[in-house]
């Protein structure tokens, strides 16, 4: 999915922090585990982030004249239960 400039900058900033700061990297990993485990606080934060990304994507796709419904998208984490590791 195309990213907005703000999203791209945030991702780059997070990557720099992840690479430069072991404590940040450990917190990030911990939050991923908590989110995947169903932690209520993390799910709320993830939902807010997802809603923001959805709005950005919807606007980009609208400009491209591409029909995208909310029902058409699925979070990457939704595939976790269907993958065999």
C-alpha atoms as a PDB file:
ATOM      1  CA  UNK A   1       0.000   0.000   0.000  1.00  0.00           C
ATOM      2  CA  UNK A   2       1.373   3.458  -0.810  1.00  0.00           C
ATOM      3  CA  UNK A   3       2.411   5.386   2.255  1.00  0.00           C
ATOM      4  CA  UNK A   4       1.811   9.029   2.935  1.00  0.00           C
ATOM      5  CA  UNK A   5       4.923  11.192   3.378  1.00  0.00           C
ATOM      6  CA  UNK A   6       4.164  11.375   7.099  1.00  0.00           C
ATOM      7  CA  UNK A   7       3.883   7.592   7.378  1.00  0.00           C
ATOM      8  CA  UNK A   8       7.094   7.108   5.402  1.00  0.00           C
ATOM      9  CA  UNK A   9       8.951   9.555   7.655  1.00  0.00           C
ATOM     10  CA  UNK A  10       7.580   7.885  10.783  1.00  0.00           C
ATOM     11  CA  UNK A  11       8.633   4.476   9.529  1.00  0.00           C
ATOM     12  CA  UNK A  12      12.139   5.737   8.737  1.00  0.00           C
ATOM     13  CA  UNK A  13      12.409   7.395  12.164  1.00  0.00           C
ATOM     14  CA  UNK A  14      11.277   4.215  13.897  1.00  0.00           C
ATOM     15  CA  UNK A  15      13.775   2.142  11.900  1.00  0.00           C
ATOM     16  CA  UNK A  16      16.602   4.481  12.919  1.00  0.00           C
ATOM     17  CA  UNK A  17      15.541   4.241  16.580  1.00  0.00           C
ATOM     18  CA  UNK A  18      15.206   0.475  16.298  1.00  0.00           C
ATOM     19  CA  UNK A  19      18.730   0.163  14.875  1.00  0.00           C
ATOM     20  CA  UNK A  20      20.365   2.674  17.230  1.00  0.00           C
ATOM     21  CA  UNK A  21      18.616   2.020  20.535  1.00  0.00           C
ATOM     22  CA  UNK A  22      18.489  -1.501  21.961  1.00  0.00           C
ATOM     23  CA  UNK A  23      15.963  -0.466  24.627  1.00  0.00           C
ATOM     24  CA  UNK A  24      13.638   0.929  21.933  1.00  0.00           C
ATOM     25  CA  UNK A  25      14.027  -2.246  19.874  1.00  0.00           C
ATOM     26  CA  UNK A  26      13.192  -4.409  22.886  1.00  0.00           C
ATOM     27  CA  UNK A  27      10.114  -2.287  23.710  1.00  0.00           C
ATOM     28  CA  UNK A  28       8.985  -2.506  20.079  1.00  0.00           C
ATOM     29  CA  UNK A  29       9.319  -6.294  20.078  1.00  0.00           C
ATOM     30  CA  UNK A  30       7.460  -6.478  23.396  1.00  0.00           C
ATOM     31  CA  UNK A  31       4.592  -4.415  22.012  1.00  0.00           C
ATOM     32  CA  UNK A  32       4.337  -6.648  18.940  1.00  0.00           C
ATOM     33  CA  UNK A  33       4.052  -9.702  21.186  1.00  0.00           C
ATOM     34  CA  UNK A  34       1.491  -7.947  23.384  1.00  0.00           C
ATOM     35  CA  UNK A  35      -0.549  -6.874  20.342  1.00  0.00           C
ATOM     36  CA  UNK A  36      -0.505 -10.384  18.877  1.00  0.00           C
ATOM     37  CA  UNK A  37      -1.506 -11.769  22.285  1.00  0.00           C
ATOM     38  CA  UNK A  38      -4.613  -9.570  22.368  1.00  0.00           C
ATOM     39  CA  UNK A  39      -3.522  -6.992  24.977  1.00  0.00           C
ATOM     40  CA  UNK A  40      -6.423  -4.489  25.193  1.00  0.00           C
ATOM     41  CA  UNK A  41      -4.240  -1.363  25.338  1.00  0.00           C
ATOM     42  CA  UNK A  42      -2.116  -2.485  22.396  1.00  0.00           C
ATOM     43  CA  UNK A  43      -5.191  -3.450  20.382  1.00  0.00           C
ATOM     44  CA  UNK A  44      -6.659   0.030  20.946  1.00  0.00           C
ATOM     45  CA  UNK A  45      -3.419   1.684  19.817  1.00  0.00           C
ATOM     46  CA  UNK A  46      -3.193  -0.646  16.836  1.00  0.00           C
ATOM     47  CA  UNK A  47      -6.779   0.083  15.909  1.00  0.00           C
ATOM     48  CA  UNK A  48      -6.193   3.844  15.990  1.00  0.00           C
ATOM     49  CA  UNK A  49      -3.097   3.440  13.829  1.00  0.00           C
ATOM     50  CA  UNK A  50      -4.930   1.182  11.396  1.00  0.00           C
ATOM     51  CA  UNK A  51      -7.790   3.670  11.100  1.00  0.00           C
ATOM     52  CA  UNK A  52      -5.345   6.440  10.269  1.00  0.00           C
ATOM     53  CA  UNK A  53      -3.595   4.324   7.618  1.00  0.00           C
ATOM     54  CA  UNK A  54      -6.972   3.318   6.167  1.00  0.00           C
ATOM     55  CA  UNK A  55      -7.983   6.967   5.761  1.00  0.00           C
ATOM     56  CA  UNK A  56      -4.715   7.744   3.975  1.00  0.00           C
ATOM     57  CA  UNK A  57      -5.003   4.712   1.700  1.00  0.00           C
ATOM     58  CA  UNK A  58      -8.633   5.449   0.887  1.00  0.00           C
ATOM     59  CA  UNK A  59      -7.733   8.980  -0.215  1.00  0.00           C
ATOM     60  CA  UNK A  60      -4.861   7.745  -2.390  1.00  0.00           C
ATOM     61  CA  UNK A  61      -7.011   5.069  -4.005  1.00  0.00           C
ATOM     62  CA  UNK A  62      -9.819   7.589  -4.561  1.00  0.00           C
ATOM     63  CA  UNK A  63      -7.392   9.834  -6.458  1.00  0.00           C
ATOM     64  CA  UNK A  64      -6.316   6.841  -8.530  1.00  0.00           C
ATOM     65  CA  UNK A  65      -9.974   5.983  -9.208  1.00  0.00           C
ATOM     66  CA  UNK A  66      -9.563   2.567  -7.571  1.00  0.00           C
ATOM     67  CA  UNK A  67     -12.457   1.109  -5.621  1.00  0.00           C
ATOM     68  CA  UNK A  68     -11.389  -0.135  -2.217  1.00  0.00           C
ATOM     69  CA  UNK A  69     -13.825  -1.042   0.493  1.00  0.00           C
ATOM     70  CA  UNK A  70     -12.970  -1.606   4.124  1.00  0.00           C
ATOM     71  CA  UNK A  71     -14.109  -5.214   3.658  1.00  0.00           C
ATOM     72  CA  UNK A  72     -11.400  -5.619   0.986  1.00  0.00           C
ATOM     73  CA  UNK A  73      -8.508  -5.114   3.376  1.00  0.00           C
ATOM     74  CA  UNK A  74      -7.041  -7.495   5.917  1.00  0.00           C
ATOM     75  CA  UNK A  75      -4.349  -6.743   8.436  1.00  0.00           C
ATOM     76  CA  UNK A  76      -1.057  -8.540   7.999  1.00  0.00           C
ATOM     77  CA  UNK A  77      -1.411  -9.886  11.523  1.00  0.00           C
ATOM     78  CA  UNK A  78      -4.709 -11.510  10.543  1.00  0.00           C
ATOM     79  CA  UNK A  79      -2.736 -14.079   8.564  1.00  0.00           C
ATOM     80  CA  UNK A  80      -0.768 -15.182  11.637  1.00  0.00           C
ATOM     81  CA  UNK A  81      -3.250 -17.915  12.493  1.00  0.00           C
ATOM     82  CA  UNK A  82      -3.261 -19.285   8.945  1.00  0.00           C
ATOM     83  CA  UNK A  83       0.521 -19.453   8.511  1.00  0.00           C
ATOM     84  CA  UNK A  84       2.442 -22.568   9.351  1.00  0.00           C
ATOM     85  CA  UNK A  85       5.844 -21.631  10.693  1.00  0.00           C
END
